[in-house]
Amino acid sequence: MVRGHHVASIIVEYADQHDVDVIIIGNRGHGKIKIAIMGSVALNVFHNTRKPILIIK
């Protein structure tokens, strides 16, 4: 959490406000159980933006 907001929301909002062409984000590759419990920033950005996204592992 950053200043009371989810990181994914901040990334999506920034991309929209600055009219970026593509979002490039890293993924650590946490296990399925950890992602199911905590979620994944990359996954949340992917589901909440209409911008192209490149996820690097």
PDB file of N, CA and C in Angstrom:
ATOM      1  N   MET A   1       0.843  -1.174   0.000  1.00  0.00           N
ATOM      2  CA  MET A   1       0.000   0.000   0.000  1.00  0.00           C
ATOM      3  C   MET A   1       0.890   1.239   0.000  1.00  0.00           C
ATOM      4  N   VAL A   2       0.508   2.202  -0.785  1.00  0.00           N
ATOM      5  CA  VAL A   2       1.223   3.464  -0.870  1.00  0.00           C
ATOM      6  C   VAL A   2       0.231   4.574  -0.581  1.00  0.00           C
ATOM      7  N   ARG A   3       0.468   5.314   0.503  1.00  0.00           N
ATOM      8  CA  ARG A   3      -0.416   6.411   0.904  1.00  0.00           C
ATOM      9  C   ARG A   3      -1.886   5.992   0.933  1.00  0.00           C
ATOM     10  N   GLY A   4      -2.142   4.784   1.424  1.00  0.00           N
ATOM     11  CA  GLY A   4      -3.516   4.332   1.582  1.00  0.00           C
ATOM     12  C   GLY A   4      -4.169   3.806   0.319  1.00  0.00           C
ATOM     13  N   HIS A   5      -3.426   3.688  -0.773  1.00  0.00           N
ATOM     14  CA  HIS A   5      -3.979   3.186  -2.030  1.00  0.00           C
ATOM     15  C   HIS A   5      -3.242   1.916  -2.434  1.00  0.00           C
ATOM     16  N   HIS A   6      -3.897   1.098  -3.198  1.00  0.00           N
ATOM     17  CA  HIS A   6      -3.230  -0.083  -3.734  1.00  0.00           C
ATOM     18  C   HIS A   6      -2.250   0.350  -4.815  1.00  0.00           C
ATOM     19  N   VAL A   7      -1.121  -0.308  -4.868  1.00  0.00           N
ATOM     20  CA  VAL A   7      -0.080   0.030  -5.838  1.00  0.00           C
ATOM     21  C   VAL A   7      -0.605  -0.100  -7.267  1.00  0.00           C
ATOM     22  N   ALA A   8      -1.359  -1.156  -7.543  1.00  0.00           N
ATOM     23  CA  ALA A   8      -1.886  -1.362  -8.894  1.00  0.00           C
ATOM     24  C   ALA A   8      -2.765  -0.191  -9.330  1.00  0.00           C
ATOM     25  N   SER A   9      -3.588   0.307  -8.443  1.00  0.00           N
ATOM     26  CA  SER A   9      -4.450   1.443  -8.762  1.00  0.00           C
ATOM     27  C   SER A   9      -3.629   2.682  -9.097  1.00  0.00           C
ATOM     28  N   ILE A  10      -2.553   2.887  -8.384  1.00  0.00           N
ATOM     29  CA  ILE A  10      -1.686   4.041  -8.626  1.00  0.00           C
ATOM     30  C   ILE A  10      -1.015   3.918  -9.996  1.00  0.00           C
ATOM     31  N   ILE A  11      -0.563   2.715 -10.338  1.00  0.00           N
ATOM     32  CA  ILE A  11       0.084   2.499 -11.638  1.00  0.00           C
ATOM     33  C   ILE A  11      -0.900   2.761 -12.769  1.00  0.00           C
ATOM     34  N   VAL A  12      -2.106   2.218 -12.663  1.00  0.00           N
ATOM     35  CA  VAL A  12      -3.125   2.401 -13.698  1.00  0.00           C
ATOM     36  C   VAL A  12      -3.507   3.874 -13.822  1.00  0.00           C
ATOM     37  N   GLU A  13      -3.692   4.531 -12.694  1.00  0.00           N
ATOM     38  CA  GLU A  13      -4.054   5.952 -12.709  1.00  0.00           C
ATOM     39  C   GLU A  13      -2.949   6.790 -13.353  1.00  0.00           C
ATOM     40  N   TYR A  14      -1.700   6.523 -13.004  1.00  0.00           N
ATOM     41  CA  TYR A  14      -0.566   7.250 -13.577  1.00  0.00           C
ATOM     42  C   TYR A  14      -0.516   7.055 -15.093  1.00  0.00           C
ATOM     43  N   ALA A  15      -0.692   5.818 -15.531  1.00  0.00           N
ATOM     44  CA  ALA A  15      -0.652   5.508 -16.966  1.00  0.00           C
ATOM     45  C   ALA A  15      -1.746   6.253 -17.713  1.00  0.00           C
ATOM     46  N   ASP A  16      -2.926   6.337 -17.120  1.00  0.00           N
ATOM     47  CA  ASP A  16      -4.033   7.062 -17.756  1.00  0.00           C
ATOM     48  C   ASP A  16      -3.773   8.562 -17.801  1.00  0.00           C
ATOM     49  N   GLN A  17      -3.274   9.117 -16.708  1.00  0.00           N
ATOM     50  CA  GLN A  17      -3.053  10.565 -16.633  1.00  0.00           C
ATOM     51  C   GLN A  17      -1.925  11.037 -17.547  1.00  0.00           C
ATOM     52  N   HIS A  18      -0.934  10.177 -17.760  1.00  0.00           N
ATOM     53  CA  HIS A  18       0.233  10.575 -18.550  1.00  0.00           C
ATOM     54  C   HIS A  18       0.217   9.979 -19.955  1.00  0.00           C
ATOM     55  N   ASP A  19      -0.903   9.386 -20.335  1.00  0.00           N
ATOM     56  CA  ASP A  19      -1.101   8.843 -21.676  1.00  0.00           C
ATOM     57  C   ASP A  19       0.079   7.998 -22.146  1.00  0.00           C
ATOM     58  N   VAL A  20       0.494   7.048 -21.314  1.00  0.00           N
ATOM     59  CA  VAL A  20       1.613   6.169 -21.674  1.00  0.00           C
ATOM     60  C   VAL A  20       1.187   5.221 -22.789  1.00  0.00           C
ATOM     61  N   ASP A  21       2.153   4.763 -23.573  1.00  0.00           N
ATOM     62  CA  ASP A  21       1.875   3.852 -24.683  1.00  0.00           C
ATOM     63  C   ASP A  21       1.766   2.408 -24.222  1.00  0.00           C
ATOM     64  N   VAL A  22       2.579   2.033 -23.244  1.00  0.00           N
ATOM     65  CA  VAL A  22       2.591   0.659 -22.746  1.00  0.00           C
ATOM     66  C   VAL A  22       3.044   0.662 -21.291  1.00  0.00           C
ATOM     67  N   ILE A  23       2.491  -0.234 -20.494  1.00  0.00           N
ATOM     68  CA  ILE A  23       2.921  -0.403 -19.099  1.00  0.00           C
ATOM     69  C   ILE A  23       3.845  -1.605 -19.058  1.00  0.00           C
ATOM     70  N   ILE A  24       5.039  -1.412 -18.543  1.00  0.00           N
ATOM     71  CA  ILE A  24       5.996  -2.509 -18.380  1.00  0.00           C
ATOM     72  C   ILE A  24       6.155  -2.736 -16.893  1.00  0.00           C
ATOM     73  N   ILE A  25       5.915  -3.973 -16.458  1.00  0.00           N
ATOM     74  CA  ILE A  25       5.927  -4.284 -15.034  1.00  0.00           C
ATOM     75  C   ILE A  25       6.591  -5.635 -14.814  1.00  0.00           C
ATOM     76  N   GLY A  26       7.292  -5.767 -13.718  1.00  0.00           N
ATOM     77  CA  GLY A  26       7.955  -7.022 -13.385  1.00  0.00           C
ATOM     78  C   GLY A  26       7.056  -7.921 -12.552  1.00  0.00           C
ATOM     79  N   ASN A  27       7.390  -9.201 -12.561  1.00  0.00           N
ATOM     80  CA  ASN A  27       6.663 -10.194 -11.791  1.00  0.00           C
ATOM     81  C   ASN A  27       7.683 -11.123 -11.160  1.00  0.00           C
ATOM     82  N   ARG A  28       7.631 -11.271  -9.855  1.00  0.00           N
ATOM     83  CA  ARG A  28       8.590 -12.113  -9.144  1.00  0.00           C
ATOM     84  C   ARG A  28       8.301 -13.602  -9.300  1.00  0.00           C
ATOM     85  N   GLY A  29       7.082 -13.939  -9.661  1.00  0.00           N
ATOM     86  CA  GLY A  29       6.740 -15.344  -9.835  1.00  0.00           C
ATOM     87  C   GLY A  29       6.422 -16.046  -8.521  1.00  0.00           C
ATOM     88  N   HIS A  30       5.705 -15.367  -7.619  1.00  0.00           N
ATOM     89  CA  HIS A  30       5.293 -15.994  -6.362  1.00  0.00           C
ATOM     90  C   HIS A  30       4.410 -17.187  -6.659  1.00  0.00           C
ATOM     91  N   GLY A  31       4.347 -18.104  -5.736  1.00  0.00           N
ATOM     92  CA  GLY A  31       3.538 -19.310  -5.901  1.00  0.00           C
ATOM     93  C   GLY A  31       2.053 -19.009  -5.996  1.00  0.00           C
ATOM     94  N   LYS A  32       1.302 -19.991  -6.482  1.00  0.00           N
ATOM     95  CA  LYS A  32      -0.133 -19.824  -6.688  1.00  0.00           C
ATOM     96  C   LYS A  32      -0.873 -19.533  -5.388  1.00  0.00           C
ATOM     97  N   ILE A  33      -0.456 -20.137  -4.298  1.00  0.00           N
ATOM     98  CA  ILE A  33      -1.135 -19.923  -3.011  1.00  0.00           C
ATOM     99  C   ILE A  33      -0.931 -18.495  -2.535  1.00  0.00           C
ATOM    100  N   LYS A  34       0.286 -18.000  -2.616  1.00  0.00           N
ATOM    101  CA  LYS A  34       0.571 -16.634  -2.179  1.00  0.00           C
ATOM    102  C   LYS A  34      -0.196 -15.622  -3.026  1.00  0.00           C
ATOM    103  N   ILE A  35      -0.261 -15.852  -4.337  1.00  0.00           N
ATOM    104  CA  ILE A  35      -1.000 -14.940  -5.206  1.00  0.00           C
ATOM    105  C   ILE A  35      -2.485 -14.994  -4.876  1.00  0.00           C
ATOM    106  N   ALA A  36      -3.009 -16.183  -4.601  1.00  0.00           N
ATOM    107  CA  ALA A  36      -4.433 -16.325  -4.267  1.00  0.00           C
ATOM    108  C   ALA A  36      -4.776 -15.568  -2.993  1.00  0.00           C
ATOM    109  N   ILE A  37      -3.854 -15.537  -2.044  1.00  0.00           N
ATOM    110  CA  ILE A  37      -4.109 -14.861  -0.775  1.00  0.00           C
ATOM    111  C   ILE A  37      -3.852 -13.362  -0.877  1.00  0.00           C
ATOM    112  N   MET A  38      -2.705 -12.982  -1.423  1.00  0.00           N
ATOM    113  CA  MET A  38      -2.281 -11.588  -1.439  1.00  0.00           C
ATOM    114  C   MET A  38      -2.604 -10.871  -2.742  1.00  0.00           C
ATOM    115  N   GLY A  39      -2.740 -11.600  -3.814  1.00  0.00           N
ATOM    116  CA  GLY A  39      -2.916 -10.977  -5.118  1.00  0.00           C
ATOM    117  C   GLY A  39      -1.571 -10.639  -5.725  1.00  0.00           C
ATOM    118  N   SER A  40      -1.583 -10.171  -6.927  1.00  0.00           N
ATOM    119  CA  SER A  40      -0.368  -9.811  -7.627  1.00  0.00           C
ATOM    120  C   SER A  40      -0.569  -8.421  -8.219  1.00  0.00           C
ATOM    121  N   VAL A  41       0.387  -7.543  -8.016  1.00  0.00           N
ATOM    122  CA  VAL A  41       0.286  -6.189  -8.567  1.00  0.00           C
ATOM    123  C   VAL A  41       0.183  -6.272 -10.086  1.00  0.00           C
ATOM    124  N   ALA A  42       1.040  -7.085 -10.714  1.00  0.00           N
ATOM    125  CA  ALA A  42       1.018  -7.207 -12.171  1.00  0.00           C
ATOM    126  C   ALA A  42      -0.341  -7.716 -12.654  1.00  0.00           C
ATOM    127  N   LEU A  43      -0.888  -8.694 -11.978  1.00  0.00           N
ATOM    128  CA  LEU A  43      -2.190  -9.247 -12.353  1.00  0.00           C
ATOM    129  C   LEU A  43      -3.298  -8.212 -12.188  1.00  0.00           C
ATOM    130  N   ASN A  44      -3.255  -7.461 -11.104  1.00  0.00           N
ATOM    131  CA  ASN A  44      -4.259  -6.414 -10.882  1.00  0.00           C
ATOM    132  C   ASN A  44      -4.153  -5.296 -11.921  1.00  0.00           C
ATOM    133  N   VAL A  45      -2.942  -4.907 -12.279  1.00  0.00           N
ATOM    134  CA  VAL A  45      -2.769  -3.890 -13.319  1.00  0.00           C
ATOM    135  C   VAL A  45      -3.327  -4.429 -14.631  1.00  0.00           C
ATOM    136  N   PHE A  46      -3.004  -5.674 -14.956  1.00  0.00           N
ATOM    137  CA  PHE A  46      -3.470  -6.299 -16.192  1.00  0.00           C
ATOM    138  C   PHE A  46      -4.995  -6.256 -16.301  1.00  0.00           C
ATOM    139  N   HIS A  47      -5.686  -6.534 -15.201  1.00  0.00           N
ATOM    140  CA  HIS A  47      -7.141  -6.593 -15.215  1.00  0.00           C
ATOM    141  C   HIS A  47      -7.812  -5.220 -15.119  1.00  0.00           C
ATOM    142  N   ASN A  48      -7.049  -4.174 -14.790  1.00  0.00           N
ATOM    143  CA  ASN A  48      -7.663  -2.866 -14.560  1.00  0.00           C
ATOM    144  C   ASN A  48      -7.209  -1.766 -15.506  1.00  0.00           C
ATOM    145  N   THR A  49      -6.553  -2.128 -16.593  1.00  0.00           N
ATOM    146  CA  THR A  49      -6.132  -1.119 -17.559  1.00  0.00           C
ATOM    147  C   THR A  49      -6.531  -1.538 -18.958  1.00  0.00           C
ATOM    148  N   ARG A  50      -6.721  -0.551 -19.803  1.00  0.00           N
ATOM    149  CA  ARG A  50      -6.988  -0.823 -21.216  1.00  0.00           C
ATOM    150  C   ARG A  50      -5.714  -0.608 -22.039  1.00  0.00           C
ATOM    151  N   LYS A  51      -4.640  -0.212 -21.374  1.00  0.00           N
ATOM    152  CA  LYS A  51      -3.364  -0.002 -22.036  1.00  0.00           C
ATOM    153  C   LYS A  51      -2.696  -1.355 -22.293  1.00  0.00           C
ATOM    154  N   PRO A  52      -1.840  -1.425 -23.322  1.00  0.00           N
ATOM    155  CA  PRO A  52      -1.048  -2.641 -23.495  1.00  0.00           C
ATOM    156  C   PRO A  52      -0.117  -2.809 -22.288  1.00  0.00           C
ATOM    157  N   ILE A  53       0.115  -4.033 -21.888  1.00  0.00           N
ATOM    158  CA  ILE A  53       0.980  -4.294 -20.734  1.00  0.00           C
ATOM    159  C   ILE A  53       1.951  -5.405 -21.056  1.00  0.00           C
ATOM    160  N   LEU A  54       3.212  -5.188 -20.677  1.00  0.00           N
ATOM    161  CA  LEU A  54       4.261  -6.185 -20.846  1.00  0.00           C
ATOM    162  C   LEU A  54       4.713  -6.589 -19.451  1.00  0.00           C
ATOM    163  N   ILE A  55       4.523  -7.863 -19.122  1.00  0.00           N
ATOM    164  CA  ILE A  55       4.919  -8.368 -17.812  1.00  0.00           C
ATOM    165  C   ILE A  55       6.205  -9.151 -17.988  1.00  0.00           C
ATOM    166  N   ILE A  56       7.247  -8.715 -17.285  1.00  0.00           N
ATOM    167  CA  ILE A  56       8.567  -9.343 -17.386  1.00  0.00           C
ATOM    168  C   ILE A  56       8.804 -10.186 -16.145  1.00  0.00           C
ATOM    169  N   LYS A  57       9.221 -11.409 -16.380  1.00  0.00           N
ATOM    170  CA  LYS A  57       9.479 -12.306 -15.258  1.00  0.00           C
ATOM    171  C   LYS A  57      10.972 -12.470 -15.061  1.00  0.00           C
TER     172      LYS A  57
END
